[in-house]
Protein backbone atom coordinates (compact mmCIF):
# COMPACT_ATOMS: atom_id res chain seq x y z
CA MET A 1 -71.89 58.63 -57.88
CA LYS A 2 -69.89 55.46 -57.32
CA LEU A 3 -71.56 52.25 -56.11
CA LEU A 4 -70.30 48.87 -54.95
CA ILE A 5 -72.59 45.87 -55.46
CA VAL A 6 -71.82 43.04 -53.05
CA GLU A 7 -73.75 40.08 -54.44
CA ASP A 8 -72.74 36.44 -55.05
CA ASN A 9 -75.44 35.63 -57.62
CA PRO A 10 -73.68 36.41 -60.94
CA GLN A 11 -76.89 36.79 -62.96
CA LEU A 12 -78.42 39.22 -60.46
CA SER A 13 -75.12 41.04 -60.04
CA ASP A 14 -74.73 41.55 -63.81
CA ASP A 15 -78.37 42.61 -64.11
CA LEU A 16 -77.99 45.22 -61.34
CA ASP A 17 -74.66 46.38 -62.75
CA ASN A 18 -76.22 47.05 -66.17
CA PHE A 19 -79.33 48.69 -64.72
CA LEU A 20 -77.48 51.03 -62.37
CA THR A 21 -74.88 51.91 -65.01
CA GLU A 22 -77.70 52.84 -67.40
CA ASN A 23 -79.06 55.09 -64.64
CA GLY A 24 -75.87 57.10 -64.45
CA PHE A 25 -73.93 55.38 -61.67
CA ILE A 26 -70.34 54.19 -61.70
CA VAL A 27 -70.57 50.57 -60.59
CA GLU A 28 -68.12 48.01 -59.22
CA VAL A 29 -68.93 44.47 -58.12
CA ALA A 30 -67.70 42.07 -55.43
CA SER A 31 -69.01 38.50 -55.22
CA THR A 32 -67.60 37.59 -51.79
CA LEU A 33 -67.16 39.21 -48.40
CA GLN A 34 -63.39 39.06 -48.73
CA LYS A 35 -63.38 40.81 -52.14
CA ALA A 36 -65.73 43.46 -50.77
CA LYS A 37 -63.44 44.10 -47.80
CA GLU A 38 -60.45 44.43 -50.13
CA LYS A 39 -62.31 46.96 -52.27
CA VAL A 40 -63.47 49.17 -49.38
CA ASP A 41 -59.90 49.15 -48.05
CA LEU A 42 -58.63 50.49 -51.38
CA TYR A 43 -61.45 52.67 -52.69
CA SER A 44 -64.19 55.03 -51.52
CA TYR A 45 -67.82 54.50 -52.48
CA ASP A 46 -70.86 56.74 -52.27
CA LEU A 47 -73.07 53.75 -51.56
CA ILE A 48 -72.74 50.00 -51.03
CA LEU A 49 -75.57 47.66 -52.05
CA LEU A 50 -74.90 44.86 -49.59
CA ASP A 51 -76.32 41.35 -49.79
CA ILE A 52 -76.17 39.64 -46.40
CA GLY A 53 -76.02 36.00 -47.52
CA LEU A 54 -72.51 35.65 -48.97
CA PRO A 55 -70.62 32.36 -49.51
CA ASP A 56 -67.76 33.26 -47.15
CA GLY A 57 -69.62 35.06 -44.38
CA ASN A 58 -72.37 37.43 -43.33
CA GLY A 59 -72.40 40.64 -45.33
CA LEU A 60 -73.09 42.60 -42.15
CA GLU A 61 -69.41 42.11 -41.27
CA LEU A 62 -68.61 44.66 -43.96
CA LEU A 63 -70.40 47.36 -41.96
CA ASN A 64 -67.55 47.37 -39.46
CA ALA A 65 -65.12 48.18 -42.28
CA VAL A 66 -67.04 51.22 -43.48
CA LYS A 67 -68.86 52.54 -40.41
CA ASP A 68 -66.12 55.10 -39.72
CA ASN A 69 -66.87 56.72 -43.10
CA SER A 70 -70.21 58.39 -42.44
CA GLU A 71 -70.41 59.56 -46.06
CA THR A 72 -70.80 56.04 -47.44
CA GLY A 73 -74.42 54.94 -47.70
CA ILE A 74 -75.34 51.31 -46.98
CA LEU A 75 -78.41 49.63 -48.46
CA ILE A 76 -78.67 46.04 -47.25
CA VAL A 77 -80.45 43.31 -49.20
CA THR A 78 -82.29 40.73 -47.11
CA ALA A 79 -84.45 37.66 -47.57
CA LYS A 80 -88.21 38.08 -47.29
CA ASN A 81 -88.55 36.86 -43.70
CA ALA A 82 -85.17 37.94 -42.31
CA LEU A 83 -86.49 40.47 -39.78
CA GLU A 84 -83.58 39.86 -37.41
CA ASP A 85 -81.04 40.65 -40.14
CA LYS A 86 -82.88 43.87 -41.02
CA ILE A 87 -82.88 45.05 -37.41
CA LYS A 88 -79.25 44.09 -36.83
CA GLY A 89 -78.17 45.82 -40.04
CA LEU A 90 -79.88 49.06 -39.10
CA GLU A 91 -78.42 48.89 -35.59
CA LEU A 92 -74.93 48.46 -37.08
CA GLY A 93 -75.33 51.60 -39.17
CA ALA A 94 -77.03 50.63 -42.44
CA ASP A 95 -79.16 53.41 -43.92
CA ASP A 96 -81.98 51.29 -45.30
CA TYR A 97 -82.86 47.78 -46.46
CA ILE A 98 -84.65 46.23 -49.39
CA THR A 99 -86.14 42.74 -49.48
CA LYS A 100 -85.68 40.19 -52.29
CA PRO A 101 -87.32 40.02 -54.73
CA PHE A 102 -87.52 43.74 -55.47
CA HIS A 103 -88.42 45.96 -58.40
CA LYS A 104 -85.55 47.86 -59.98
CA ALA A 105 -87.48 51.11 -59.85
CA GLU A 106 -87.80 50.75 -56.08
CA LEU A 107 -84.09 49.97 -55.76
CA ASN A 108 -83.19 53.04 -57.79
CA ALA A 109 -85.49 55.22 -55.66
CA ARG A 110 -84.04 53.91 -52.39
CA ILE A 111 -80.46 54.41 -53.57
CA ARG A 112 -81.13 57.98 -54.64
CA SER A 113 -82.97 58.71 -51.40
CA ILE A 114 -79.97 57.58 -49.34
CA LEU A 115 -77.58 59.62 -51.47
CA ARG A 116 -79.75 62.73 -51.13
CA ARG A 117 -79.88 62.37 -47.35
CA LYS A 118 -76.19 61.64 -46.84
CA LYS A 119 -74.58 63.89 -49.43
CA PHE A 120 -77.01 66.60 -50.48
CA ALA A 121 -79.03 67.39 -47.33
CA GLY A 122 -82.08 65.67 -48.79
CA SER A 123 -82.21 67.84 -51.92
CA ASN A 124 -82.14 66.89 -55.60
CA ILE A 125 -80.49 70.23 -56.37
CA LEU A 126 -76.77 70.75 -55.91
CA GLN A 127 -75.71 74.37 -56.35
CA VAL A 128 -72.45 76.24 -55.93
CA ASP A 129 -72.51 79.91 -56.89
CA GLU A 130 -73.96 80.13 -60.42
CA VAL A 131 -73.57 76.41 -61.23
CA LYS A 132 -76.63 74.25 -60.51
CA VAL A 133 -77.07 70.52 -60.98
CA ASN A 134 -80.41 68.72 -60.86
CA LEU A 135 -79.47 65.24 -59.66
CA SER A 136 -82.86 63.82 -60.56
CA SER A 137 -83.10 65.03 -64.17
CA LEU A 138 -79.28 65.05 -64.66
CA GLN A 139 -79.48 68.61 -65.99
CA VAL A 140 -76.80 71.26 -65.47
CA PHE A 141 -77.33 75.03 -65.51
CA VAL A 142 -74.94 77.97 -65.43
CA ASN A 143 -76.69 81.27 -64.63
CA ASP A 144 -79.95 79.33 -65.20
CA ASN A 145 -78.87 78.52 -68.75
CA PRO A 146 -78.71 74.78 -69.52
CA ILE A 147 -75.42 73.31 -70.71
CA ILE A 148 -74.87 69.92 -72.30
CA LEU A 149 -72.28 67.65 -70.69
CA THR A 150 -71.10 64.16 -71.48
CA LYS A 151 -71.69 61.52 -68.81
CA LYS A 152 -68.07 61.70 -67.62
CA GLU A 153 -68.19 65.52 -67.54
CA PHE A 154 -71.39 65.35 -65.47
CA ASP A 155 -69.85 62.86 -63.03
CA LEU A 156 -66.73 65.01 -62.81
CA LEU A 157 -68.74 68.17 -62.06
CA VAL A 158 -70.78 66.48 -59.32
CA TYR A 159 -67.58 65.14 -57.76
CA PHE A 160 -66.05 68.62 -57.80
CA LEU A 161 -69.15 70.28 -56.37
CA TYR A 162 -69.47 67.75 -53.60
CA ASN A 163 -65.79 68.35 -52.73
CA LYS A 164 -65.90 72.14 -53.18
CA ASP A 165 -62.68 73.87 -52.02
CA ARG A 166 -60.96 70.52 -51.42
CA VAL A 167 -57.82 69.65 -53.34
CA LEU A 168 -58.45 66.42 -55.25
CA THR A 169 -55.50 64.44 -56.58
CA LYS A 170 -55.47 63.30 -60.18
CA GLU A 171 -55.43 59.73 -58.91
CA SER A 172 -58.52 60.15 -56.73
CA ILE A 173 -60.48 61.85 -59.53
CA ALA A 174 -59.55 59.19 -62.07
CA GLU A 175 -60.31 56.35 -59.67
CA HIS A 176 -63.69 57.86 -58.80
CA LEU A 177 -64.66 58.23 -62.45
CA TRP A 178 -63.28 55.00 -63.87
CA GLY A 179 -63.07 52.67 -60.88
CA ASP A 180 -61.19 49.42 -61.47
CA ASN A 181 -60.63 50.30 -65.12
CA ILE A 182 -58.18 53.03 -64.15
CA ASP A 183 -55.51 50.36 -63.73
CA GLN A 184 -55.49 49.93 -67.51
CA SER A 185 -54.20 53.47 -68.08
CA ASP A 186 -50.61 54.63 -67.76
CA ASN A 187 -51.18 58.40 -67.92
CA PHE A 188 -53.75 61.08 -67.15
CA ASP A 189 -54.18 62.64 -70.59
CA PHE A 190 -57.81 61.48 -70.69
CA LEU A 191 -58.46 63.24 -67.39
CA TYR A 192 -56.87 66.50 -68.51
CA ASN A 193 -59.13 66.52 -71.57
CA HIS A 194 -62.31 65.99 -69.52
CA ILE A 195 -61.35 68.77 -67.10
CA LYS A 196 -60.43 71.13 -69.93
CA ASN A 197 -63.73 70.50 -71.73
CA LEU A 198 -65.80 70.89 -68.55
CA ARG A 199 -64.06 74.14 -67.64
CA LYS A 200 -64.57 75.48 -71.17
CA LYS A 201 -68.29 74.68 -71.21
CA ILE A 202 -68.87 76.43 -67.88
CA VAL A 203 -66.92 79.52 -68.97
CA ASN A 204 -68.63 79.66 -72.38
CA ALA A 205 -71.99 79.68 -70.58
CA GLY A 206 -70.96 82.76 -68.62
CA GLY A 207 -69.57 81.06 -65.54
CA LYS A 208 -66.25 81.60 -63.82
CA SER A 209 -63.20 79.41 -64.26
CA TYR A 210 -63.91 77.48 -61.07
CA ILE A 211 -61.67 74.48 -61.69
CA GLN A 212 -58.18 75.40 -60.55
CA SER A 213 -54.95 73.46 -60.97
CA VAL A 214 -52.98 73.00 -57.77
CA TYR A 215 -49.37 72.51 -58.79
CA GLY A 216 -47.94 69.13 -57.92
CA MET A 217 -51.17 68.00 -56.25
CA GLY A 218 -54.27 68.05 -58.45
CA TYR A 219 -57.36 70.21 -58.84
CA LYS A 220 -60.01 71.96 -56.80
CA PHE A 221 -63.35 73.60 -57.52
CA SER A 222 -63.35 76.99 -55.84
CA ILE A 223 -65.43 80.16 -56.09
CA HIS A 224 -62.56 82.30 -54.69
């Protein structure tokens, strides 16, 4: 799952980045409203953690840039007594809010709750045919047998399952998994290797070869 933190306090931003990365998320950061707008124009995010008080404007302005994408969750961050901002944010389409200061455990729980509601029909279990992923425990099963995946393989599998039967370009997969860092690479050899290893682990556990190459376009995860 890919998150965008919109926060102008560098210490808090770095702290949240490290915490959420440790909890299995792919994280990008924007310190201003303008940078956040540029990022949402270029990339797709599963959830945006949105601080309202930004140096160049009100963070709620970003809601207009993402409201047409109903799959992107929005968790707004407000000051303790900012009731008006909370109400306005929810009216504009935010999914939830959290008030500063907050505990990281609560933040993590709220983020995962939004993602479950928006992407997985409220469930911690994502299953396609004989492949099952527990999003809470980060465990993967094929025919109820556990398989061990690297973090990137896990992220890749979840992305495929969420986009079942959709053709995903190499560029979109790489950007989803590596975010801004993808600009540092000049080929997709690293992606081929992750896909090959994931496919092999599923097949070796008794599953089908779900991940199909679509010539000239990319890949798709299909049970057909």
